[in-house]
Amino acid sequence: MQQANYPADSPTRLAREFNVRFTGSPISVHAARKWIVGEAMPTQEKLRTLAAWLGVSAEWLRFGTGGSETDTSILSTRLQSEDLALLSDLQQLEDKHRQIVRTMIRMLLHAQK
């Protein structure tokens, strides 16, 4: 977390930043604290989200092996706070409405080609 310019000793910050990026159920500050102090390990799905956010490989994050950086496609897709807020809003929609938004985005991307 320090290498990604985030405080490594703040479970509140970890939980907040993680929850904005994760599409599943949010984690609690207590769960984030357990991750930080090594009392618990995130699930593989959560580990992948952490790795993408922090710009490291999931293997390195879990085992300390492999490259400390992910491939350049993940590193180049750092999201701005407005984008993260939009993703958070999207998560709050019903499934049918999320699908409509996805379809609209694909149509816009196709139209700009």
N, C-alpha and C. Protein backbone atom coordinates (compact mmCIF):
# COMPACT_ATOMS: atom_id res chain seq x y z
N MET A 1 0.83 -1.18 0.00
CA MET A 1 0.00 0.00 0.00
C MET A 1 0.87 1.25 0.00
N GLN A 2 1.98 1.21 0.72
CA GLN A 2 2.86 2.37 0.76
C GLN A 2 3.43 2.68 -0.62
N GLN A 3 3.78 1.64 -1.39
CA GLN A 3 4.31 1.85 -2.73
C GLN A 3 3.28 2.49 -3.65
N ALA A 4 1.99 2.29 -3.35
CA ALA A 4 0.92 2.89 -4.14
C ALA A 4 0.45 4.21 -3.51
N ASN A 5 1.21 4.72 -2.56
CA ASN A 5 0.94 5.99 -1.89
C ASN A 5 -0.34 5.99 -1.06
N TYR A 6 -0.57 4.88 -0.37
CA TYR A 6 -1.68 4.77 0.57
C TYR A 6 -1.10 4.39 1.93
N PRO A 7 -1.69 4.91 3.02
CA PRO A 7 -1.17 4.54 4.34
C PRO A 7 -1.40 3.06 4.62
N ALA A 8 -0.35 2.35 4.98
CA ALA A 8 -0.45 0.91 5.21
C ALA A 8 -1.01 0.57 6.58
N ASP A 9 -1.22 1.58 7.41
CA ASP A 9 -1.71 1.32 8.75
C ASP A 9 -3.12 1.86 8.99
N SER A 10 -3.88 2.09 7.91
CA SER A 10 -5.22 2.63 8.05
C SER A 10 -6.27 1.66 7.51
N PRO A 11 -6.86 0.84 8.39
CA PRO A 11 -7.89 -0.08 7.93
C PRO A 11 -9.12 0.65 7.38
N THR A 12 -9.40 1.82 7.92
CA THR A 12 -10.54 2.60 7.42
C THR A 12 -10.32 2.99 5.97
N ARG A 13 -9.14 3.48 5.66
CA ARG A 13 -8.81 3.87 4.28
C ARG A 13 -8.80 2.67 3.36
N LEU A 14 -8.22 1.56 3.84
CA LEU A 14 -8.20 0.34 3.04
C LEU A 14 -9.61 -0.12 2.72
N ALA A 15 -10.48 -0.17 3.72
CA ALA A 15 -11.86 -0.62 3.49
C ALA A 15 -12.57 0.30 2.51
N ARG A 16 -12.42 1.61 2.70
CA ARG A 16 -13.10 2.57 1.82
C ARG A 16 -12.62 2.44 0.37
N GLU A 17 -11.31 2.44 0.18
CA GLU A 17 -10.76 2.36 -1.17
C GLU A 17 -11.09 1.01 -1.83
N PHE A 18 -11.02 -0.06 -1.06
CA PHE A 18 -11.33 -1.38 -1.59
C PHE A 18 -12.80 -1.46 -2.00
N ASN A 19 -13.70 -1.02 -1.14
CA ASN A 19 -15.13 -1.14 -1.40
C ASN A 19 -15.58 -0.37 -2.63
N VAL A 20 -14.90 0.72 -2.95
CA VAL A 20 -15.23 1.48 -4.15
C VAL A 20 -14.90 0.67 -5.40
N ARG A 21 -13.91 -0.18 -5.31
CA ARG A 21 -13.43 -0.94 -6.47
C ARG A 21 -14.01 -2.34 -6.59
N PHE A 22 -14.50 -2.90 -5.51
CA PHE A 22 -14.95 -4.29 -5.50
C PHE A 22 -16.43 -4.38 -5.86
N THR A 23 -16.78 -5.31 -6.72
CA THR A 23 -18.17 -5.43 -7.17
C THR A 23 -19.04 -6.28 -6.25
N GLY A 24 -18.44 -7.00 -5.33
CA GLY A 24 -19.20 -7.84 -4.41
C GLY A 24 -19.58 -7.10 -3.14
N SER A 25 -19.86 -7.86 -2.12
CA SER A 25 -20.23 -7.27 -0.83
C SER A 25 -19.06 -6.49 -0.25
N PRO A 26 -19.33 -5.34 0.35
CA PRO A 26 -18.23 -4.55 0.92
C PRO A 26 -17.62 -5.22 2.13
N ILE A 27 -16.38 -4.85 2.40
CA ILE A 27 -15.71 -5.37 3.60
C ILE A 27 -15.86 -4.35 4.72
N SER A 28 -15.72 -4.81 5.94
CA SER A 28 -15.78 -3.93 7.10
C SER A 28 -14.37 -3.42 7.41
N VAL A 29 -14.31 -2.38 8.23
CA VAL A 29 -13.02 -1.88 8.70
C VAL A 29 -12.32 -2.97 9.50
N HIS A 30 -13.09 -3.75 10.25
CA HIS A 30 -12.51 -4.84 11.04
C HIS A 30 -11.83 -5.88 10.12
N ALA A 31 -12.48 -6.23 9.02
CA ALA A 31 -11.88 -7.17 8.07
C ALA A 31 -10.60 -6.59 7.47
N ALA A 32 -10.63 -5.30 7.12
CA ALA A 32 -9.44 -4.66 6.57
C ALA A 32 -8.30 -4.67 7.58
N ARG A 33 -8.60 -4.45 8.85
CA ARG A 33 -7.57 -4.48 9.89
C ARG A 33 -6.95 -5.87 9.98
N LYS A 34 -7.79 -6.91 9.87
CA LYS A 34 -7.28 -8.28 9.93
C LYS A 34 -6.36 -8.57 8.74
N TRP A 35 -6.68 -8.02 7.57
CA TRP A 35 -5.80 -8.19 6.42
C TRP A 35 -4.45 -7.53 6.68
N ILE A 36 -4.51 -6.31 7.21
CA ILE A 36 -3.28 -5.54 7.42
C ILE A 36 -2.35 -6.22 8.42
N VAL A 37 -2.90 -6.74 9.50
CA VAL A 37 -2.05 -7.35 10.54
C VAL A 37 -1.79 -8.82 10.28
N GLY A 38 -2.33 -9.38 9.21
CA GLY A 38 -2.06 -10.76 8.84
C GLY A 38 -2.88 -11.79 9.59
N GLU A 39 -3.98 -11.39 10.20
CA GLU A 39 -4.85 -12.33 10.90
C GLU A 39 -5.80 -13.05 9.94
N ALA A 40 -5.99 -12.50 8.76
CA ALA A 40 -6.89 -13.10 7.77
C ALA A 40 -6.35 -12.82 6.38
N MET A 41 -6.73 -13.67 5.44
CA MET A 41 -6.31 -13.53 4.05
C MET A 41 -7.57 -13.26 3.21
N PRO A 42 -7.52 -12.29 2.32
CA PRO A 42 -8.67 -12.06 1.44
C PRO A 42 -8.93 -13.26 0.55
N THR A 43 -10.18 -13.41 0.12
CA THR A 43 -10.50 -14.44 -0.85
C THR A 43 -9.76 -14.13 -2.15
N GLN A 44 -9.68 -15.10 -3.04
CA GLN A 44 -8.97 -14.91 -4.30
C GLN A 44 -9.58 -13.76 -5.11
N GLU A 45 -10.90 -13.68 -5.11
CA GLU A 45 -11.58 -12.61 -5.85
C GLU A 45 -11.20 -11.24 -5.27
N LYS A 46 -11.18 -11.14 -3.96
CA LYS A 46 -10.81 -9.88 -3.32
C LYS A 46 -9.33 -9.59 -3.51
N LEU A 47 -8.53 -10.62 -3.50
CA LEU A 47 -7.10 -10.46 -3.72
C LEU A 47 -6.82 -9.89 -5.11
N ARG A 48 -7.56 -10.37 -6.10
CA ARG A 48 -7.40 -9.84 -7.46
C ARG A 48 -7.77 -8.36 -7.52
N THR A 49 -8.83 -7.97 -6.82
CA THR A 49 -9.22 -6.57 -6.79
C THR A 49 -8.14 -5.72 -6.12
N LEU A 50 -7.63 -6.20 -5.00
CA LEU A 50 -6.54 -5.49 -4.30
C LEU A 50 -5.33 -5.35 -5.20
N ALA A 51 -4.97 -6.43 -5.87
CA ALA A 51 -3.79 -6.41 -6.73
C ALA A 51 -3.94 -5.41 -7.87
N ALA A 52 -5.11 -5.41 -8.50
CA ALA A 52 -5.35 -4.46 -9.60
C ALA A 52 -5.29 -3.03 -9.09
N TRP A 53 -5.89 -2.78 -7.94
CA TRP A 53 -5.90 -1.43 -7.36
C TRP A 53 -4.48 -0.97 -7.02
N LEU A 54 -3.70 -1.85 -6.40
CA LEU A 54 -2.37 -1.46 -5.93
C LEU A 54 -1.28 -1.59 -6.99
N GLY A 55 -1.63 -2.16 -8.15
CA GLY A 55 -0.66 -2.26 -9.23
C GLY A 55 0.38 -3.33 -9.01
N VAL A 56 -0.03 -4.43 -8.37
CA VAL A 56 0.87 -5.57 -8.15
C VAL A 56 0.17 -6.83 -8.64
N SER A 57 0.92 -7.91 -8.76
CA SER A 57 0.29 -9.16 -9.16
C SER A 57 -0.38 -9.80 -7.95
N ALA A 58 -1.42 -10.55 -8.18
CA ALA A 58 -2.09 -11.27 -7.09
C ALA A 58 -1.13 -12.28 -6.45
N GLU A 59 -0.28 -12.88 -7.27
CA GLU A 59 0.70 -13.84 -6.76
C GLU A 59 1.65 -13.17 -5.79
N TRP A 60 2.14 -11.99 -6.16
CA TRP A 60 3.05 -11.27 -5.29
C TRP A 60 2.34 -10.85 -3.99
N LEU A 61 1.11 -10.41 -4.13
CA LEU A 61 0.37 -9.97 -2.95
C LEU A 61 0.11 -11.13 -1.99
N ARG A 62 -0.18 -12.28 -2.54
CA ARG A 62 -0.50 -13.44 -1.69
C ARG A 62 0.74 -14.15 -1.16
N PHE A 63 1.74 -14.35 -2.03
CA PHE A 63 2.90 -15.17 -1.67
C PHE A 63 4.22 -14.41 -1.59
N GLY A 64 4.25 -13.18 -2.09
CA GLY A 64 5.50 -12.43 -2.10
C GLY A 64 6.42 -12.87 -3.21
N THR A 65 5.89 -13.63 -4.18
CA THR A 65 6.70 -14.10 -5.31
C THR A 65 6.13 -13.57 -6.60
N GLY A 66 6.88 -13.73 -7.67
CA GLY A 66 6.44 -13.19 -8.94
C GLY A 66 6.76 -11.70 -8.97
N GLY A 67 6.43 -11.06 -10.06
CA GLY A 67 6.70 -9.63 -10.18
C GLY A 67 5.83 -8.83 -9.23
N SER A 68 6.36 -7.72 -8.76
CA SER A 68 5.57 -6.86 -7.89
C SER A 68 4.63 -5.98 -8.69
N GLU A 69 4.78 -5.98 -10.00
CA GLU A 69 3.88 -5.18 -10.82
C GLU A 69 3.03 -6.09 -11.68
N THR A 70 1.82 -5.63 -11.94
CA THR A 70 0.93 -6.35 -12.83
C THR A 70 1.29 -5.98 -14.26
N ASP A 71 0.57 -6.54 -15.22
CA ASP A 71 0.85 -6.16 -16.59
C ASP A 71 0.46 -4.71 -16.82
N THR A 72 0.99 -4.12 -17.87
CA THR A 72 0.81 -2.70 -18.10
C THR A 72 -0.64 -2.32 -18.36
N SER A 73 -1.47 -3.25 -18.82
CA SER A 73 -2.86 -2.90 -19.07
C SER A 73 -3.57 -2.52 -17.78
N ILE A 74 -3.27 -3.20 -16.68
CA ILE A 74 -3.87 -2.85 -15.40
C ILE A 74 -3.31 -1.53 -14.89
N LEU A 75 -2.00 -1.36 -15.00
CA LEU A 75 -1.39 -0.13 -14.51
C LEU A 75 -1.87 1.09 -15.27
N SER A 76 -2.16 0.92 -16.54
CA SER A 76 -2.57 2.07 -17.35
C SER A 76 -4.03 2.41 -17.19
N THR A 77 -4.78 1.62 -16.44
CA THR A 77 -6.20 1.88 -16.30
C THR A 77 -6.55 2.38 -14.91
N ARG A 78 -5.68 3.14 -14.30
CA ARG A 78 -5.98 3.75 -13.01
C ARG A 78 -7.22 4.62 -13.17
N LEU A 79 -8.15 4.42 -12.30
CA LEU A 79 -9.41 5.16 -12.39
C LEU A 79 -9.36 6.43 -11.57
N GLN A 80 -9.99 7.46 -12.09
CA GLN A 80 -10.10 8.70 -11.34
C GLN A 80 -11.29 8.59 -10.38
N SER A 81 -11.34 9.46 -9.40
CA SER A 81 -12.38 9.37 -8.37
C SER A 81 -13.79 9.47 -8.96
N GLU A 82 -13.97 10.27 -10.01
CA GLU A 82 -15.30 10.37 -10.63
C GLU A 82 -15.72 9.03 -11.23
N ASP A 83 -14.76 8.33 -11.83
CA ASP A 83 -15.03 7.02 -12.40
C ASP A 83 -15.39 6.01 -11.31
N LEU A 84 -14.68 6.09 -10.20
CA LEU A 84 -14.95 5.18 -9.09
C LEU A 84 -16.33 5.45 -8.50
N ALA A 85 -16.70 6.71 -8.40
CA ALA A 85 -18.04 7.04 -7.90
C ALA A 85 -19.10 6.51 -8.85
N LEU A 86 -18.84 6.60 -10.14
CA LEU A 86 -19.78 6.08 -11.13
C LEU A 86 -19.92 4.56 -10.99
N LEU A 87 -18.82 3.86 -10.78
CA LEU A 87 -18.87 2.42 -10.57
C LEU A 87 -19.66 2.07 -9.31
N SER A 88 -19.46 2.87 -8.27
CA SER A 88 -20.20 2.65 -7.03
C SER A 88 -21.70 2.83 -7.27
N ASP A 89 -22.07 3.87 -8.03
CA ASP A 89 -23.48 4.09 -8.36
C ASP A 89 -24.03 2.93 -9.18
N LEU A 90 -23.23 2.45 -10.12
CA LEU A 90 -23.65 1.34 -10.97
C LEU A 90 -23.95 0.10 -10.14
N GLN A 91 -23.15 -0.15 -9.13
CA GLN A 91 -23.36 -1.31 -8.26
C GLN A 91 -24.68 -1.25 -7.52
N GLN A 92 -25.18 -0.06 -7.29
CA GLN A 92 -26.41 0.10 -6.53
C GLN A 92 -27.66 -0.13 -7.38
N LEU A 93 -27.50 -0.17 -8.69
CA LEU A 93 -28.63 -0.40 -9.58
C LEU A 93 -29.06 -1.87 -9.55
N GLU A 94 -30.32 -2.08 -9.91
CA GLU A 94 -30.80 -3.46 -10.08
C GLU A 94 -30.07 -4.08 -11.28
N ASP A 95 -30.02 -5.40 -11.31
CA ASP A 95 -29.31 -6.11 -12.38
C ASP A 95 -29.78 -5.68 -13.76
N LYS A 96 -31.06 -5.57 -13.96
CA LYS A 96 -31.57 -5.22 -15.29
C LYS A 96 -31.13 -3.82 -15.70
N HIS A 97 -31.04 -2.90 -14.75
CA HIS A 97 -30.60 -1.55 -15.07
C HIS A 97 -29.09 -1.49 -15.31
N ARG A 98 -28.32 -2.31 -14.58
CA ARG A 98 -26.88 -2.38 -14.84
C ARG A 98 -26.63 -2.88 -16.26
N GLN A 99 -27.41 -3.86 -16.69
CA GLN A 99 -27.25 -4.39 -18.04
C GLN A 99 -27.56 -3.33 -19.09
N ILE A 100 -28.56 -2.50 -18.82
CA ILE A 100 -28.89 -1.41 -19.74
C ILE A 100 -27.72 -0.43 -19.86
N VAL A 101 -27.11 -0.09 -18.73
CA VAL A 101 -25.97 0.82 -18.73
C VAL A 101 -24.81 0.21 -19.50
N ARG A 102 -24.54 -1.06 -19.29
CA ARG A 102 -23.46 -1.73 -20.03
C ARG A 102 -23.71 -1.70 -21.53
N THR A 103 -24.94 -1.96 -21.92
CA THR A 103 -25.30 -1.94 -23.33
C THR A 103 -25.12 -0.54 -23.91
N MET A 104 -25.53 0.47 -23.16
CA MET A 104 -25.38 1.86 -23.63
C MET A 104 -23.91 2.22 -23.81
N ILE A 105 -23.07 1.80 -22.89
CA ILE A 105 -21.64 2.10 -22.99
C ILE A 105 -21.05 1.42 -24.22
N ARG A 106 -21.42 0.16 -24.45
CA ARG A 106 -20.92 -0.54 -25.64
C ARG A 106 -21.37 0.15 -26.92
N MET A 107 -22.62 0.61 -26.94
CA MET A 107 -23.14 1.31 -28.12
C MET A 107 -22.39 2.61 -28.35
N LEU A 108 -22.11 3.37 -27.29
CA LEU A 108 -21.36 4.62 -27.42
C LEU A 108 -19.94 4.36 -27.92
N LEU A 109 -19.30 3.32 -27.40
CA LEU A 109 -17.96 2.98 -27.85
C LEU A 109 -17.96 2.59 -29.33
N HIS A 110 -18.95 1.83 -29.71
CA HIS A 110 -19.05 1.42 -31.11
C HIS A 110 -19.32 2.63 -32.02
N ALA A 111 -20.14 3.57 -31.56
CA ALA A 111 -20.50 4.75 -32.34
C ALA A 111 -19.31 5.68 -32.53
N GLN A 112 -18.38 5.72 -31.62
CA GLN A 112 -17.26 6.65 -31.75
C GLN A 112 -16.13 6.09 -32.59
N LYS A 113 -16.22 4.84 -33.02
CA LYS A 113 -15.17 4.24 -33.87
C LYS A 113 -15.24 4.81 -35.27
